[in-house]
Amino acid sequence: MSTTSTLFSTVSPVRHILTKVPEVTLIFWVIKVLATTVGETAADFLNVDLGLGLSITSVIMAVLLIVALIVQFRLHKYTPAVYWLAVVFISVVGTLITDNLTDNLTDSLGVPLWVTTVVFAIALAATFTVWASSEKTLFIHSIFTARRETFYWLAVLFTFALGTAAGDLVAEGLNLGFLVALLVFAAAIALVTVAYFVFHLNAVLAFWIAYILTRPLGASTGDLLSQSVGDGGLGLGTTGTSVLFLAVILILVIVLIRRAHTTTAQLTATI
């Protein structure tokens, strides 16, 4: 596999240190799905279980996301703890953006799910278009300038908002249920993987399609685990699901931090 591979990349250690985002490995995808699940369950926990409401929850999480991104932008290299904290926060915020527009609650706007799905898809496509026109590449391992990183995080935010809307549209809007929605998006990701490895689908295109699809996959997983049995879920609750998935994310991030220290030490020894 070439060094420009993206679904499971083989970026050299030196190049990895220069970029602001992680190498795309199996652990990357696992944490990404876990983070998207937490985005769904944590938003519901803060909004419903703690009774903060959509507006207050949205403000709190937006402030936390801004702080995390400020720290992320000030760093000069990929730092696992900061990067994945920003991903978790942006996952929650992306969910809340869609919820503020679509949920059938007094503090939401009641916009139809199909409308938000289309709007966020257009916004994401526009972001990619401007990004590609400006930087001549969407390859994530070329992100080492503030402008490219801005495009990256904007695209990530829209993927989360789009994924939330699309996941809810399939599960609730089409009345297919959380389990069927989960299987639909898992099958779609499997097709992208086959297209990449067998039919040589463009690596950057394959990455971003898979990245988008993991959001509704995670959202459907979170809803399936946390929602009550009467609503089509397994009844584990948002608290237990969020804590479990956050714990697994923490363990995997610790693994990444240890790996990063090992890689840095090896590079230092060879210089």
Protein backbone atom coordinates (compact mmCIF):
# COMPACT_ATOMS: atom_id res chain seq x y z
CA MET A 1 0.00 0.00 0.00
CA SER A 2 1.39 3.40 -0.90
CA THR A 3 2.23 6.14 1.57
CA THR A 4 -0.76 8.11 0.31
CA SER A 5 -3.24 5.46 1.38
CA THR A 6 -5.96 6.93 3.53
CA LEU A 7 -8.34 4.33 4.95
CA PHE A 8 -5.42 2.67 6.71
CA SER A 9 -2.46 4.90 5.96
CA THR A 10 1.23 4.18 6.25
CA VAL A 11 2.51 7.70 6.76
CA SER A 12 6.19 7.80 7.67
CA PRO A 13 7.07 8.72 11.31
CA VAL A 14 8.67 12.02 10.30
CA ARG A 15 5.69 13.04 8.16
CA HIS A 16 3.32 11.98 10.95
CA ILE A 17 5.00 14.36 13.40
CA LEU A 18 4.60 17.27 10.97
CA THR A 19 0.84 16.88 10.56
CA LYS A 20 -1.84 18.08 12.98
CA VAL A 21 -4.14 15.06 12.62
CA PRO A 22 -3.62 11.38 13.43
CA GLU A 23 -2.50 8.61 11.14
CA VAL A 24 -5.54 6.70 9.91
CA THR A 25 -5.34 3.25 11.44
CA LEU A 26 -7.84 0.75 12.80
CA ILE A 27 -7.62 2.48 16.20
CA PHE A 28 -8.49 5.78 14.49
CA TRP A 29 -11.73 4.32 13.13
CA VAL A 30 -12.62 2.64 16.42
CA ILE A 31 -12.20 5.88 18.38
CA LYS A 32 -14.08 7.80 15.69
CA VAL A 33 -17.13 5.51 15.97
CA LEU A 34 -16.96 5.59 19.77
CA ALA A 35 -16.76 9.39 19.72
CA THR A 36 -19.76 9.66 17.43
CA THR A 37 -21.73 7.39 19.75
CA VAL A 38 -20.78 9.55 22.72
CA GLY A 39 -21.83 12.61 20.74
CA GLU A 40 -25.34 11.20 20.51
CA THR A 41 -25.68 9.88 24.07
CA ALA A 42 -23.90 12.76 25.84
CA ALA A 43 -26.08 15.32 24.07
CA ASP A 44 -29.19 13.44 25.18
CA PHE A 45 -27.81 13.05 28.72
CA LEU A 46 -27.13 16.77 29.15
CA ASN A 47 -30.27 17.89 27.38
CA VAL A 48 -32.84 15.43 28.74
CA ASP A 49 -31.47 13.53 31.75
CA LEU A 50 -29.89 16.58 33.43
CA GLY A 51 -32.71 18.76 32.20
CA LEU A 52 -30.45 21.53 30.88
CA GLY A 53 -32.45 21.89 27.68
CA LEU A 54 -31.15 22.27 24.15
CA SER A 55 -30.21 25.93 24.40
CA ILE A 56 -28.12 25.74 27.59
CA THR A 57 -26.53 22.44 26.57
CA SER A 58 -25.63 23.89 23.17
CA VAL A 59 -23.99 26.97 24.70
CA ILE A 60 -21.97 24.94 27.20
CA MET A 61 -20.72 22.46 24.62
CA ALA A 62 -19.99 25.19 22.06
CA VAL A 63 -17.79 27.00 24.60
CA LEU A 64 -15.95 23.78 25.47
CA LEU A 65 -15.43 23.04 21.77
CA ILE A 66 -14.05 26.53 21.12
CA VAL A 67 -11.59 26.17 24.00
CA ALA A 68 -10.48 22.72 22.76
CA LEU A 69 -9.99 24.01 19.21
CA ILE A 70 -8.00 27.02 20.42
CA VAL A 71 -5.64 24.65 22.19
CA GLN A 72 -5.55 22.36 19.14
CA PHE A 73 -4.67 25.23 16.78
CA ARG A 74 -1.92 26.49 19.09
CA LEU A 75 -0.15 23.14 19.06
CA HIS A 76 2.51 22.50 16.44
CA LYS A 77 1.92 18.79 16.02
CA TYR A 78 -0.69 16.10 16.51
CA THR A 79 -1.35 15.56 20.22
CA PRO A 80 -3.72 12.62 20.84
CA ALA A 81 -5.37 13.89 24.04
CA VAL A 82 -6.19 17.33 22.64
CA TYR A 83 -7.21 16.13 19.18
CA TRP A 84 -9.61 13.45 20.39
CA LEU A 85 -11.06 15.72 23.07
CA ALA A 86 -11.89 18.17 20.28
CA VAL A 87 -13.46 15.34 18.26
CA VAL A 88 -15.68 14.31 21.17
CA PHE A 89 -16.79 17.91 21.73
CA ILE A 90 -17.42 18.52 18.03
CA SER A 91 -19.41 15.29 17.91
CA VAL A 92 -21.69 16.55 20.69
CA VAL A 93 -21.99 20.00 19.10
CA GLY A 94 -22.76 18.50 15.69
CA THR A 95 -25.54 16.46 17.27
CA LEU A 96 -26.90 19.52 19.08
CA ILE A 97 -26.94 21.62 15.90
CA THR A 98 -29.20 19.07 14.24
CA ASP A 99 -31.29 18.60 17.38
CA ASN A 100 -31.84 22.36 17.66
CA LEU A 101 -33.19 22.34 14.13
CA THR A 102 -35.19 19.12 14.05
CA ASP A 103 -36.24 17.83 17.47
CA ASN A 104 -39.96 18.01 18.27
CA LEU A 105 -39.36 20.08 21.39
CA THR A 106 -40.40 23.57 22.40
CA ASP A 107 -36.84 24.94 22.08
CA SER A 108 -36.16 23.51 18.61
CA LEU A 109 -37.16 24.86 15.21
CA GLY A 110 -38.95 21.76 13.93
CA VAL A 111 -37.17 21.67 10.56
CA PRO A 112 -37.85 18.37 8.70
CA LEU A 113 -35.01 15.85 8.84
CA TRP A 114 -34.79 15.54 5.07
CA VAL A 115 -34.28 19.31 4.81
CA THR A 116 -31.43 19.38 7.33
CA THR A 117 -29.85 16.35 5.66
CA VAL A 118 -29.85 18.11 2.29
CA VAL A 119 -28.68 21.44 3.72
CA PHE A 120 -25.76 19.90 5.64
CA ALA A 121 -24.81 17.80 2.61
CA ILE A 122 -24.65 20.97 0.51
CA ALA A 123 -22.67 22.78 3.23
CA LEU A 124 -20.18 19.91 3.42
CA ALA A 125 -19.85 19.74 -0.37
CA ALA A 126 -19.24 23.51 -0.47
CA THR A 127 -16.56 23.18 2.22
CA PHE A 128 -14.78 20.46 0.28
CA THR A 129 -15.03 22.49 -2.93
CA VAL A 130 -13.50 25.63 -1.42
CA TRP A 131 -10.89 23.56 0.43
CA ALA A 132 -9.82 21.71 -2.71
CA SER A 133 -9.83 24.91 -4.78
CA SER A 134 -7.73 26.75 -2.21
CA GLU A 135 -5.31 24.02 -1.15
CA LYS A 136 -5.35 21.71 -4.20
CA THR A 137 -5.76 18.67 -1.95
CA LEU A 138 -8.11 17.13 0.62
CA PHE A 139 -5.45 14.70 1.85
CA ILE A 140 -5.62 14.89 5.65
CA HIS A 141 -1.93 14.15 6.20
CA SER A 142 -1.06 17.40 4.47
CA ILE A 143 -2.71 19.41 7.25
CA PHE A 144 0.07 21.46 8.79
CA THR A 145 -1.15 25.05 8.24
CA ALA A 146 -3.84 26.98 10.09
CA ARG A 147 -5.91 27.45 6.93
CA ARG A 148 -5.94 23.75 6.07
CA GLU A 149 -6.76 22.88 9.65
CA THR A 150 -9.65 25.35 9.59
CA PHE A 151 -11.08 23.64 6.50
CA TYR A 152 -10.55 20.26 8.18
CA TRP A 153 -12.44 21.07 11.37
CA LEU A 154 -15.23 22.81 9.48
CA ALA A 155 -15.64 19.70 7.34
CA VAL A 156 -15.61 17.50 10.44
CA LEU A 157 -18.34 19.63 12.05
CA PHE A 158 -20.55 19.33 8.97
CA THR A 159 -19.98 15.56 8.78
CA PHE A 160 -21.25 15.23 12.34
CA ALA A 161 -24.27 17.44 11.74
CA LEU A 162 -25.03 15.67 8.46
CA GLY A 163 -24.54 12.24 9.99
CA THR A 164 -26.90 13.03 12.85
CA ALA A 165 -29.60 14.24 10.46
CA ALA A 166 -29.14 11.29 8.08
CA GLY A 167 -29.11 8.76 10.92
CA ASP A 168 -32.29 10.17 12.45
CA LEU A 169 -33.89 10.33 9.01
CA VAL A 170 -33.27 6.63 8.38
CA ALA A 171 -34.10 5.43 11.91
CA GLU A 172 -36.98 7.75 12.78
CA GLY A 173 -38.06 9.60 9.66
CA LEU A 174 -38.38 6.40 7.65
CA ASN A 175 -39.46 4.41 10.74
CA LEU A 176 -36.81 1.73 10.16
CA GLY A 177 -35.64 1.69 13.76
CA PHE A 178 -32.18 2.01 15.30
CA LEU A 179 -31.00 -1.53 14.59
CA VAL A 180 -31.91 -1.42 10.91
CA ALA A 181 -30.31 2.03 10.59
CA LEU A 182 -27.14 0.69 12.20
CA LEU A 183 -27.03 -2.24 9.77
CA VAL A 184 -27.69 0.04 6.78
CA PHE A 185 -24.78 2.35 7.58
CA ALA A 186 -22.48 -0.54 8.55
CA ALA A 187 -23.23 -2.14 5.17
CA ALA A 188 -22.51 1.16 3.41
CA ILE A 189 -19.13 1.42 5.15
CA ALA A 190 -18.38 -2.19 4.19
CA LEU A 191 -19.13 -1.35 0.54
CA VAL A 192 -16.77 1.64 0.66
CA THR A 193 -14.06 -0.57 2.18
CA VAL A 194 -14.48 -3.15 -0.59
CA ALA A 195 -14.49 -0.41 -3.22
CA TYR A 196 -11.23 0.93 -1.80
CA PHE A 197 -9.30 -2.30 -1.31
CA VAL A 198 -10.67 -4.30 -4.26
CA PHE A 199 -11.65 -1.74 -6.89
CA HIS A 200 -9.08 0.92 -5.93
CA LEU A 201 -11.49 3.74 -5.14
CA ASN A 202 -9.60 7.01 -4.69
CA ALA A 203 -8.12 6.98 -1.18
CA VAL A 204 -9.13 10.52 -0.22
CA LEU A 205 -12.68 10.04 -1.51
CA ALA A 206 -12.97 6.69 0.27
CA PHE A 207 -11.74 8.22 3.54
CA TRP A 208 -14.24 11.07 3.56
CA ILE A 209 -17.18 8.87 2.56
CA ALA A 210 -16.31 6.45 5.37
CA TYR A 211 -15.80 9.37 7.75
CA ILE A 212 -19.26 10.71 6.96
CA LEU A 213 -20.91 7.30 7.30
CA THR A 214 -19.35 6.54 10.69
CA ARG A 215 -21.36 9.43 12.16
CA PRO A 216 -24.84 7.97 11.53
CA LEU A 217 -23.41 4.55 12.40
CA GLY A 218 -22.32 5.87 15.80
CA ALA A 219 -25.55 7.80 16.29
CA SER A 220 -27.64 4.72 15.54
CA THR A 221 -25.47 2.65 17.88
CA GLY A 222 -25.87 5.21 20.66
CA ASP A 223 -29.63 5.37 20.23
CA LEU A 224 -29.95 1.58 20.05
CA LEU A 225 -28.02 1.14 23.30
CA SER A 226 -29.41 4.07 25.27
CA GLN A 227 -33.05 4.48 24.27
CA SER A 228 -35.81 2.65 26.12
CA VAL A 229 -37.09 -0.69 24.92
CA GLY A 230 -40.43 0.92 24.12
CA ASP A 231 -38.67 3.35 21.78
CA GLY A 232 -36.77 0.58 20.00
CA GLY A 233 -33.57 0.63 22.07
CA LEU A 234 -31.93 -1.72 24.56
CA GLY A 235 -32.62 0.53 27.55
CA LEU A 236 -29.04 0.93 28.82
CA GLY A 237 -29.55 4.65 29.31
CA THR A 238 -27.50 7.63 28.15
CA THR A 239 -25.43 7.79 31.34
CA GLY A 240 -24.15 4.21 31.27
CA THR A 241 -23.57 4.23 27.52
CA SER A 242 -21.68 7.54 27.62
CA VAL A 243 -19.48 6.50 30.55
CA LEU A 244 -18.66 3.13 28.95
CA PHE A 245 -17.71 4.58 25.60
CA LEU A 246 -15.76 7.47 27.12
CA ALA A 247 -13.79 4.96 29.20
CA VAL A 248 -12.87 2.96 26.10
CA ILE A 249 -11.90 6.16 24.27
CA LEU A 250 -9.68 7.16 27.20
CA ILE A 251 -7.93 3.78 27.20
CA LEU A 252 -7.29 3.93 23.44
CA VAL A 253 -6.02 7.51 23.62
CA ILE A 254 -3.59 6.47 26.36
CA VAL A 255 -2.37 3.73 24.02
CA LEU A 256 -1.87 6.33 21.27
CA ILE A 257 0.02 8.65 23.63
CA ARG A 258 2.36 5.83 24.63
CA ARG A 259 2.91 4.96 20.97
CA ALA A 260 3.65 8.60 20.14
CA HIS A 261 6.24 8.79 22.92
CA THR A 262 7.84 5.58 21.66
CA THR A 263 7.97 6.88 18.07
CA THR A 264 9.50 10.18 19.19
CA ALA A 265 12.11 8.37 21.25
CA GLN A 266 13.03 6.12 18.31
CA LEU A 267 13.37 9.10 15.95
CA THR A 268 15.51 10.93 18.49
CA ALA A 269 17.77 7.90 18.82
CA THR A 270 18.32 7.71 15.06
CA ILE A 271 19.22 11.39 14.61
